[in-house]
Structures are given as structure tokens and as C-alpha cells.
Protein backbone atom coordinates (compact mmCIF):
# COMPACT_ATOMS: atom_id res chain seq x y z
CA MET A 1 0.00 -0.03 -0.08
CA ALA A 2 1.43 3.35 -1.03
CA ALA A 3 1.28 6.33 1.28
CA PRO A 4 0.34 9.71 -0.18
CA VAL A 5 3.13 12.24 -0.73
CA HIS A 6 2.54 15.55 1.04
CA ARG A 7 5.32 17.35 -0.55
CA THR A 8 4.90 19.78 -3.40
CA GLN A 9 7.43 19.61 -6.29
CA HIS A 10 8.19 22.90 -7.87
CA VAL A 11 9.13 23.30 -11.54
CA ARG A 12 11.25 26.45 -12.36
CA PHE A 13 11.28 28.27 -15.54
CA ASP A 14 12.71 31.61 -16.27
CA HIS A 15 10.68 34.04 -14.04
CA SER A 16 7.81 31.56 -13.79
CA ARG A 17 6.97 28.88 -11.19
CA GLY A 18 4.99 25.71 -11.52
CA TRP A 19 4.02 22.77 -9.37
CA ILE A 20 2.29 19.37 -9.72
CA SER A 21 -1.35 20.21 -9.21
CA ALA A 22 -2.87 16.63 -9.79
CA VAL A 23 -1.85 13.17 -10.69
CA ARG A 24 -4.26 10.69 -12.16
CA SER A 25 -3.31 7.02 -12.60
CA GLY A 26 -4.91 3.57 -12.17
CA SER A 27 -8.25 2.83 -10.65
CA PRO A 28 -9.16 2.92 -6.94
CA ASP A 29 -11.59 0.08 -7.59
CA LYS A 30 -8.66 -2.12 -8.96
CA PRO A 31 -5.60 -1.24 -7.01
CA ALA A 32 -3.88 -4.55 -7.87
CA PHE A 33 -3.82 -3.64 -11.63
CA PRO A 34 -0.87 -1.17 -12.44
CA SER A 35 -1.83 1.54 -14.79
CA ALA A 36 -0.24 1.85 -18.22
CA THR A 37 -0.63 5.63 -18.18
CA THR A 38 -0.08 8.23 -15.59
CA GLU A 39 -1.24 11.82 -16.09
CA ILE A 40 0.57 14.58 -14.31
CA TYR A 41 -1.00 18.05 -14.35
CA LEU A 42 1.23 21.21 -13.82
CA ASP A 43 0.04 24.52 -13.06
CA VAL A 44 2.70 26.93 -14.39
CA ARG A 45 2.07 30.57 -13.59
CA VAL A 46 3.24 32.91 -16.29
CA ASN A 47 4.43 36.35 -15.08
CA PRO A 48 4.59 39.61 -17.08
CA ARG A 49 8.27 39.18 -17.84
CA VAL A 50 7.69 36.21 -20.11
CA THR A 51 4.98 35.12 -22.51
CA PRO A 52 2.99 31.89 -22.33
CA GLY A 53 4.89 31.02 -25.71
CA ASP A 54 8.21 31.45 -23.81
CA VAL A 55 7.11 29.16 -21.00
CA ARG A 56 5.79 26.68 -23.52
CA HIS A 57 9.16 26.62 -25.28
CA GLN A 58 11.02 26.21 -22.02
CA PHE A 59 8.63 23.32 -21.03
CA ALA A 60 9.25 21.71 -24.35
CA GLN A 61 12.92 22.00 -23.89
CA MET A 62 12.64 20.29 -20.46
CA ILE A 63 10.55 17.40 -21.73
CA ASP A 64 13.10 16.90 -24.60
CA GLU A 65 15.89 16.61 -21.99
CA ILE A 66 13.89 14.08 -19.98
CA ARG A 67 13.30 12.05 -23.09
CA ARG A 68 16.97 12.22 -23.92
CA ARG A 69 17.96 10.92 -20.60
CA ASN A 70 15.26 8.26 -20.47
CA PRO A 71 14.75 7.02 -24.03
CA ASP A 72 12.55 4.05 -22.97
CA LEU A 73 9.98 6.47 -21.43
CA ASP A 74 7.01 7.04 -23.60
CA LEU A 75 6.21 10.69 -22.82
CA ASP A 76 3.74 13.08 -24.34
CA TRP A 77 2.25 16.47 -23.19
CA GLU A 78 0.05 19.26 -24.21
CA MET A 79 -0.64 22.74 -23.03
CA TYR A 80 -4.41 23.25 -22.88
CA GLY A 81 -4.79 26.72 -21.35
CA SER A 82 -2.61 29.77 -20.96
CA LEU A 83 -2.94 33.42 -20.09
CA PRO A 84 -0.20 36.05 -19.98
CA GLY A 85 0.58 37.52 -16.53
CA GLY A 86 -0.31 41.11 -16.02
CA MET A 87 1.41 43.95 -14.25
CA THR A 88 0.53 47.66 -13.47
CA ASP A 89 3.24 50.22 -14.20
CA PRO A 90 5.30 50.67 -11.01
CA GLU A 91 4.91 54.49 -11.40
CA ASN A 92 1.12 54.21 -11.43
CA TRP A 93 -0.66 55.97 -8.61
CA ILE A 94 -2.16 52.73 -7.13
CA VAL A 95 1.31 51.04 -6.92
CA GLN A 96 2.78 54.10 -5.41
CA SER A 97 -0.15 54.33 -2.91
CA CYS A 98 0.27 50.77 -1.88
CA ARG A 99 4.00 51.32 -1.47
CA ARG A 100 3.51 54.29 0.71
CA GLY A 101 0.84 52.30 2.80
CA TRP A 102 3.39 49.55 3.20
CA GLU A 103 6.20 51.92 4.19
CA GLU A 104 3.89 53.61 6.76
CA VAL A 105 3.04 50.38 8.46
CA GLU A 106 6.36 48.72 8.25
CA GLY A 107 8.26 51.93 9.20
CA ARG A 108 11.00 51.45 6.71
CA PRO A 109 11.52 52.04 2.99
CA TYR A 110 10.13 49.45 0.58
CA THR A 111 12.83 47.64 -1.33
CA THR A 112 11.58 45.06 -3.66
CA THR A 113 8.94 42.34 -4.27
CA PRO A 114 9.85 38.73 -5.17
CA LEU A 115 9.51 38.11 -9.00
CA LEU A 116 6.64 35.89 -8.68
CA GLY A 117 4.43 34.74 -11.54
CA GLY A 118 0.77 34.12 -11.48
CA GLN A 119 -2.56 34.43 -13.02
CA THR A 120 -4.43 36.22 -10.41
CA ASP A 121 -7.66 38.23 -10.04
CA GLY A 122 -5.42 41.29 -10.42
CA THR A 123 -4.41 40.22 -13.97
CA LEU A 124 -8.15 39.90 -14.90
CA ILE A 125 -8.91 43.33 -13.33
CA ARG A 126 -6.05 44.92 -15.18
CA ARG A 127 -7.52 43.49 -18.59
CA LEU A 128 -10.64 45.44 -17.78
CA GLY A 129 -8.48 48.61 -17.76
CA ILE A 130 -8.46 49.06 -14.00
CA PRO A 131 -4.96 49.48 -12.51
CA CYS A 132 -4.30 47.43 -9.35
CA ALA A 133 -1.62 46.39 -7.03
CA ARG A 134 -1.27 43.75 -4.33
CA ILE A 135 -0.37 44.14 -0.72
CA GLY A 136 0.17 40.94 1.11
CA TYR A 137 1.49 39.63 4.36
CA PRO A 138 4.83 37.85 4.39
CA TRP A 139 4.84 34.03 3.98
CA PRO A 140 6.01 32.15 6.98
CA PRO A 141 9.77 32.33 7.34
CA GLU A 142 11.98 29.36 6.38
CA THR A 143 12.35 28.72 10.13
CA ALA A 144 8.70 27.91 10.51
CA PRO A 145 7.59 24.31 10.71
CA ASP A 146 7.81 22.48 7.36
CA ASP A 147 4.05 21.96 6.91
CA LEU A 148 3.55 25.80 6.98
CA ASN A 149 6.00 26.35 4.10
CA GLU A 150 4.55 23.46 2.05
CA GLY A 151 2.98 24.14 -1.26
CA LEU A 152 3.04 27.81 -2.22
CA GLY A 153 5.51 28.74 0.53
CA GLY A 154 2.85 28.94 3.11
CA MET A 155 0.17 30.74 1.04
CA GLY A 156 -2.88 31.16 3.15
CA VAL A 157 -0.96 30.80 6.44
CA ALA A 158 -0.20 33.81 8.34
CA SER A 159 -0.08 35.19 11.89
CA VAL A 160 -2.64 37.75 13.15
CA ALA A 161 0.07 40.40 13.43
CA ASP A 162 0.95 39.87 9.72
CA VAL A 163 -2.70 40.09 8.66
CA MET A 164 -3.09 43.24 10.72
CA MET A 165 0.01 44.79 8.98
CA ALA A 166 -1.50 44.06 5.53
CA THR A 167 -4.88 45.29 6.53
CA LYS A 168 -3.45 48.62 7.77
CA ALA A 169 -1.38 49.01 4.62
CA VAL A 170 -4.53 48.38 2.45
CA ALA A 171 -6.57 50.85 4.45
CA TYR A 172 -3.80 53.49 3.97
CA ALA A 173 -3.94 52.75 0.11
CA VAL A 174 -7.85 53.07 0.24
CA VAL A 175 -7.84 56.36 2.01
CA ASP A 176 -4.93 57.66 -0.21
CA THR A 177 -6.83 56.69 -3.39
CA LEU A 178 -10.28 57.99 -2.14
CA THR A 179 -8.80 61.44 -1.42
CA ARG A 180 -7.41 61.89 -4.95
CA THR A 181 -9.21 63.91 -7.61
CA ARG A 182 -10.78 62.07 -10.60
CA GLU A 183 -8.13 63.63 -12.84
CA GLU A 184 -5.34 62.24 -10.81
CA LEU A 185 -6.92 58.75 -11.14
CA ASP A 186 -7.37 59.22 -14.91
CA LEU A 187 -11.20 58.69 -14.47
């Protein structure tokens, strides 16, 4: 009897991240019969610095290398969905407002954001012509228990203090935005 694996495997591409999001093989009704095929589903997030085509090309190169190293392996793949990542100009008022909110709450100058990739609601909102930015709380530190750093680096896990920091920074950005003129907001 096999035990489930609780560890996420990350796939890295230039400026994009991916992980195994599902595996399908065999039949639970017939566990004694090995499957001839295993399907592995990857979720690769495309960030604004690369195109879905770039990631597709990098993935194809990775698969070619796997085939080269394992000539007896029958391997096929397809990309069945992709959307480019989105980004708001760093000089845009909303990004600057969020940055000021973060600096106000943190009490220190903002330095940089990790170059993460992702198809988020922010990307979809940007496609509607609405500039947006994200303020989040820090992911658990590497010194946190392993189960908190699993998957997306602890995404969805935070201390109350971290959530309060992000809430205050967002509140700052909201007040900063709502006290601007329509002209400043290009409305």
C-alpha cells in the first residue's frame, strides 16, 4: 500500500513557477492492476516578464531533456490553457499608494518584491483597464515548521500580526486613493 506524498514539487522556468497540481493513474476500484498511463497536471504561472509561448518553449526543452535521458520512457504532453501575466506600471498611482501604505505600516522604505508569477484576479482586473496592485502579508519564514512552508510557501497561512499589517497598509492605500481627484486617477 502506497502512502500519499505530501510534498509539493516545484518546476522552475525563467521568471515563472509551476507545481504538480494533480496526478491521475490507475483505478481505486482495482488497486492490484498497475496503470499503463499516468497523467501529471502542472500549473505553471506566467508572469509579466515572459509570454505563455516562452514558457511553452522552455517546457518543451525540459521534456526533450527528460526524453533524452530516459529513451525508454513514452512521454507526451500538451498545453491546454494559458494566459499572460499582468502588471501595473510601477509608477502608477495605485502602486505608489500601496507602496506608501506598506512603508507607513512597516516603518521602513520599501525595497523589492519577489519576482513571482501568477494568473491572479489582479491580472483579470487589469484586462478591464483598471490598474491594481497587491499588498500581502509575508509568507512564513523558512524557520517555520515544514508544514507551514509546504505548497506555495505557506500561502494562506499567516499570523494575526501579519494580517493586521497588511490590513493597515490596504486601509492606507484606500484612503490615499479616495482622497485623490478624478483627474489624478485618470477617470
